[in-house]
Amino acid sequence: MEIVWSKEILRNYLGVLDYLFEHWSVKEIESFENTFDNLIARIKEHKEICPKSLLLNYRKCLIDKNNSLIYQEVNDVIFLIAIIDNKSLHQY
């Protein structure tokens, strides 16, 4: 199954890593990256593993206590839409 990153999620992902570089250690960065990669692998195997979000046909997955992943599956392609802060009042 193909995974496609949107410009927004790439910006979000790099933003999370920048924040971790500034405020945390390499251990936390590696933990986030491993958790994210494991989540993507699980989604590839079970594309409906996460519940549908309130918006359109997106799905929302918890990455960690601070971040969630928004994605959409269309014709066996997983589109990674955004990473959102769980404390925000985001539309997803």
N, C-alpha and C. Protein backbone atom coordinates (compact mmCIF):
# COMPACT_ATOMS: atom_id res chain seq x y z
N MET A 1 0.85 -1.18 0.00
CA MET A 1 0.00 0.00 0.00
C MET A 1 0.89 1.24 0.00
N GLU A 2 0.56 2.17 -0.85
CA GLU A 2 1.33 3.39 -1.00
C GLU A 2 0.96 4.41 0.09
N ILE A 3 1.97 5.12 0.59
CA ILE A 3 1.78 6.18 1.57
C ILE A 3 2.19 7.50 0.90
N VAL A 4 1.28 8.50 0.94
CA VAL A 4 1.56 9.81 0.34
C VAL A 4 1.50 10.87 1.44
N TRP A 5 2.56 11.64 1.56
CA TRP A 5 2.64 12.71 2.55
C TRP A 5 2.17 14.02 1.92
N SER A 6 1.26 14.71 2.58
CA SER A 6 0.86 16.05 2.13
C SER A 6 1.93 17.05 2.55
N LYS A 7 1.90 18.23 1.95
CA LYS A 7 2.83 19.29 2.36
C LYS A 7 2.59 19.66 3.82
N GLU A 8 1.31 19.66 4.24
CA GLU A 8 0.98 20.03 5.61
C GLU A 8 1.57 19.05 6.61
N ILE A 9 1.44 17.76 6.36
CA ILE A 9 1.97 16.80 7.34
C ILE A 9 3.49 16.84 7.38
N LEU A 10 4.12 17.06 6.26
CA LEU A 10 5.57 17.18 6.26
C LEU A 10 6.00 18.37 7.12
N ARG A 11 5.30 19.49 6.97
CA ARG A 11 5.56 20.68 7.78
C ARG A 11 5.29 20.38 9.26
N ASN A 12 4.18 19.69 9.55
CA ASN A 12 3.84 19.33 10.93
C ASN A 12 4.89 18.42 11.55
N TYR A 13 5.28 17.39 10.80
CA TYR A 13 6.25 16.41 11.28
C TYR A 13 7.59 17.08 11.61
N LEU A 14 8.06 17.91 10.69
CA LEU A 14 9.31 18.62 10.93
C LEU A 14 9.18 19.60 12.09
N GLY A 15 8.00 20.19 12.25
CA GLY A 15 7.76 21.09 13.38
C GLY A 15 7.84 20.37 14.71
N VAL A 16 7.28 19.17 14.77
CA VAL A 16 7.36 18.37 16.00
C VAL A 16 8.82 18.03 16.29
N LEU A 17 9.55 17.60 15.27
CA LEU A 17 10.97 17.27 15.47
C LEU A 17 11.77 18.49 15.90
N ASP A 18 11.52 19.64 15.31
CA ASP A 18 12.20 20.88 15.73
C ASP A 18 11.93 21.17 17.19
N TYR A 19 10.66 21.05 17.59
CA TYR A 19 10.30 21.30 18.98
C TYR A 19 11.05 20.34 19.91
N LEU A 20 11.07 19.06 19.54
CA LEU A 20 11.77 18.07 20.37
C LEU A 20 13.26 18.36 20.44
N PHE A 21 13.87 18.77 19.32
CA PHE A 21 15.30 19.12 19.31
C PHE A 21 15.59 20.27 20.26
N GLU A 22 14.68 21.24 20.30
CA GLU A 22 14.89 22.43 21.13
C GLU A 22 14.65 22.16 22.62
N HIS A 23 13.69 21.31 22.95
CA HIS A 23 13.26 21.19 24.35
C HIS A 23 13.50 19.83 25.00
N TRP A 24 13.84 18.83 24.21
CA TRP A 24 13.97 17.49 24.75
C TRP A 24 15.27 16.86 24.28
N SER A 25 15.43 15.59 24.58
CA SER A 25 16.68 14.91 24.22
C SER A 25 16.49 14.04 22.97
N VAL A 26 17.62 13.48 22.52
CA VAL A 26 17.59 12.58 21.37
C VAL A 26 16.70 11.38 21.66
N LYS A 27 16.65 10.96 22.90
CA LYS A 27 15.80 9.82 23.28
C LYS A 27 14.33 10.08 22.94
N GLU A 28 13.84 11.27 23.23
CA GLU A 28 12.45 11.61 22.93
C GLU A 28 12.21 11.72 21.43
N ILE A 29 13.19 12.23 20.71
CA ILE A 29 13.09 12.33 19.25
C ILE A 29 12.98 10.93 18.65
N GLU A 30 13.86 10.05 19.06
CA GLU A 30 13.83 8.68 18.56
C GLU A 30 12.53 7.98 18.94
N SER A 31 12.06 8.23 20.13
CA SER A 31 10.79 7.63 20.58
C SER A 31 9.64 8.09 19.70
N PHE A 32 9.57 9.39 19.41
CA PHE A 32 8.51 9.91 18.55
C PHE A 32 8.60 9.29 17.16
N GLU A 33 9.80 9.27 16.59
CA GLU A 33 9.98 8.72 15.25
C GLU A 33 9.59 7.24 15.20
N ASN A 34 10.00 6.46 16.21
CA ASN A 34 9.65 5.04 16.25
C ASN A 34 8.15 4.83 16.40
N THR A 35 7.54 5.61 17.27
CA THR A 35 6.09 5.51 17.47
C THR A 35 5.35 5.86 16.19
N PHE A 36 5.77 6.92 15.52
CA PHE A 36 5.15 7.34 14.27
C PHE A 36 5.32 6.27 13.19
N ASP A 37 6.54 5.76 13.04
CA ASP A 37 6.80 4.72 12.04
C ASP A 37 5.99 3.45 12.30
N ASN A 38 5.88 3.07 13.57
CA ASN A 38 5.09 1.89 13.92
C ASN A 38 3.61 2.10 13.61
N LEU A 39 3.12 3.29 13.86
CA LEU A 39 1.72 3.61 13.56
C LEU A 39 1.48 3.52 12.05
N ILE A 40 2.38 4.06 11.25
CA ILE A 40 2.23 4.00 9.79
C ILE A 40 2.25 2.54 9.33
N ALA A 41 3.11 1.73 9.89
CA ALA A 41 3.17 0.31 9.52
C ALA A 41 1.85 -0.39 9.86
N ARG A 42 1.28 -0.08 11.02
CA ARG A 42 -0.01 -0.68 11.41
C ARG A 42 -1.12 -0.22 10.47
N ILE A 43 -1.11 1.05 10.09
CA ILE A 43 -2.13 1.57 9.17
C ILE A 43 -2.01 0.89 7.81
N LYS A 44 -0.78 0.65 7.36
CA LYS A 44 -0.58 -0.04 6.08
C LYS A 44 -1.21 -1.43 6.09
N GLU A 45 -1.12 -2.10 7.23
CA GLU A 45 -1.68 -3.45 7.36
C GLU A 45 -3.20 -3.44 7.58
N HIS A 46 -3.67 -2.44 8.32
CA HIS A 46 -5.09 -2.36 8.69
C HIS A 46 -5.53 -0.90 8.51
N LYS A 47 -5.89 -0.55 7.30
CA LYS A 47 -6.14 0.85 6.95
C LYS A 47 -7.27 1.51 7.74
N GLU A 48 -8.15 0.73 8.34
CA GLU A 48 -9.27 1.29 9.10
C GLU A 48 -9.07 1.13 10.61
N ILE A 49 -7.82 1.01 11.02
CA ILE A 49 -7.50 0.78 12.43
C ILE A 49 -7.92 1.94 13.34
N CYS A 50 -7.93 3.14 12.80
CA CYS A 50 -8.25 4.32 13.60
C CYS A 50 -9.67 4.78 13.31
N PRO A 51 -10.32 5.39 14.30
CA PRO A 51 -11.71 5.83 14.10
C PRO A 51 -11.82 6.99 13.13
N LYS A 52 -12.99 7.06 12.49
CA LYS A 52 -13.25 8.19 11.59
C LYS A 52 -13.29 9.48 12.39
N SER A 53 -12.78 10.53 11.77
CA SER A 53 -12.80 11.84 12.42
C SER A 53 -14.14 12.50 12.14
N LEU A 54 -14.31 13.68 12.68
CA LEU A 54 -15.54 14.42 12.50
C LEU A 54 -15.62 15.09 11.13
N LEU A 55 -14.52 15.10 10.41
CA LEU A 55 -14.43 15.82 9.15
C LEU A 55 -14.30 14.85 7.98
N LEU A 56 -15.21 14.96 7.04
CA LEU A 56 -15.18 14.20 5.80
C LEU A 56 -14.94 12.71 6.04
N ASN A 57 -14.03 12.15 5.26
CA ASN A 57 -13.76 10.73 5.34
C ASN A 57 -12.37 10.47 5.91
N TYR A 58 -11.92 11.34 6.79
CA TYR A 58 -10.60 11.20 7.40
C TYR A 58 -10.67 10.27 8.60
N ARG A 59 -9.51 9.80 9.00
CA ARG A 59 -9.39 9.01 10.23
C ARG A 59 -8.36 9.69 11.13
N LYS A 60 -8.55 9.53 12.42
CA LYS A 60 -7.70 10.19 13.41
C LYS A 60 -7.11 9.15 14.34
N CYS A 61 -5.76 9.13 14.44
CA CYS A 61 -5.03 8.19 15.29
C CYS A 61 -4.19 8.93 16.31
N LEU A 62 -4.16 8.40 17.48
CA LEU A 62 -3.29 8.93 18.52
C LEU A 62 -1.86 8.46 18.25
N ILE A 63 -0.94 9.41 18.11
CA ILE A 63 0.48 9.08 17.96
C ILE A 63 1.09 8.93 19.35
N ASP A 64 0.88 9.95 20.16
CA ASP A 64 1.31 9.96 21.56
C ASP A 64 0.34 10.88 22.31
N LYS A 65 0.62 11.14 23.58
CA LYS A 65 -0.34 11.94 24.36
C LYS A 65 -0.47 13.38 23.85
N ASN A 66 0.49 13.83 23.05
CA ASN A 66 0.47 15.21 22.57
C ASN A 66 0.02 15.38 21.12
N ASN A 67 0.11 14.33 20.33
CA ASN A 67 -0.11 14.45 18.88
C ASN A 67 -1.00 13.36 18.32
N SER A 68 -1.77 13.73 17.30
CA SER A 68 -2.59 12.77 16.56
C SER A 68 -2.31 12.91 15.07
N LEU A 69 -2.50 11.81 14.37
CA LEU A 69 -2.33 11.75 12.93
C LEU A 69 -3.69 11.75 12.26
N ILE A 70 -3.83 12.55 11.22
CA ILE A 70 -5.03 12.57 10.39
C ILE A 70 -4.64 11.98 9.04
N TYR A 71 -5.42 10.96 8.60
CA TYR A 71 -5.13 10.36 7.30
C TYR A 71 -6.42 9.97 6.59
N GLN A 72 -6.28 9.65 5.32
CA GLN A 72 -7.41 9.24 4.51
C GLN A 72 -6.95 8.14 3.56
N GLU A 73 -7.79 7.14 3.37
CA GLU A 73 -7.49 6.06 2.44
C GLU A 73 -8.39 6.21 1.22
N VAL A 74 -7.78 6.22 0.05
CA VAL A 74 -8.52 6.31 -1.21
C VAL A 74 -7.89 5.33 -2.19
N ASN A 75 -8.67 4.35 -2.61
CA ASN A 75 -8.21 3.37 -3.62
C ASN A 75 -6.85 2.76 -3.26
N ASP A 76 -6.74 2.24 -2.06
CA ASP A 76 -5.52 1.59 -1.58
C ASP A 76 -4.30 2.50 -1.50
N VAL A 77 -4.53 3.79 -1.40
CA VAL A 77 -3.46 4.76 -1.15
C VAL A 77 -3.80 5.46 0.16
N ILE A 78 -2.83 5.52 1.07
CA ILE A 78 -3.00 6.22 2.34
C ILE A 78 -2.42 7.62 2.19
N PHE A 79 -3.27 8.61 2.34
CA PHE A 79 -2.83 10.01 2.28
C PHE A 79 -2.69 10.53 3.71
N LEU A 80 -1.47 10.86 4.11
CA LEU A 80 -1.23 11.44 5.42
C LEU A 80 -1.54 12.93 5.31
N ILE A 81 -2.52 13.39 6.08
CA ILE A 81 -3.04 14.74 5.93
C ILE A 81 -2.36 15.73 6.88
N ALA A 82 -2.32 15.39 8.18
CA ALA A 82 -1.79 16.35 9.16
C ALA A 82 -1.43 15.65 10.45
N ILE A 83 -0.58 16.30 11.22
CA ILE A 83 -0.35 15.96 12.63
C ILE A 83 -0.89 17.13 13.42
N ILE A 84 -1.75 16.84 14.37
CA ILE A 84 -2.35 17.93 15.15
C ILE A 84 -2.00 17.76 16.63
N ASP A 85 -1.96 18.88 17.32
CA ASP A 85 -1.73 18.93 18.76
C ASP A 85 -3.04 18.51 19.44
N ASN A 86 -2.97 17.52 20.30
CA ASN A 86 -4.18 17.04 20.98
C ASN A 86 -4.82 18.06 21.91
N LYS A 87 -4.07 19.08 22.29
CA LYS A 87 -4.61 20.10 23.18
C LYS A 87 -5.33 21.20 22.41
N SER A 88 -5.21 21.20 21.09
CA SER A 88 -5.83 22.25 20.28
C SER A 88 -7.29 21.91 20.00
N LEU A 89 -8.03 22.93 19.65
CA LEU A 89 -9.42 22.75 19.24
C LEU A 89 -9.43 22.70 17.71
N HIS A 90 -8.90 21.64 17.18
CA HIS A 90 -8.73 21.52 15.73
C HIS A 90 -9.99 20.98 15.10
N GLN A 91 -10.23 21.33 13.85
CA GLN A 91 -11.44 20.94 13.13
C GLN A 91 -11.52 19.44 12.86
N TYR A 92 -10.40 18.71 12.94
CA TYR A 92 -10.42 17.29 12.67
C TYR A 92 -11.04 16.56 13.84
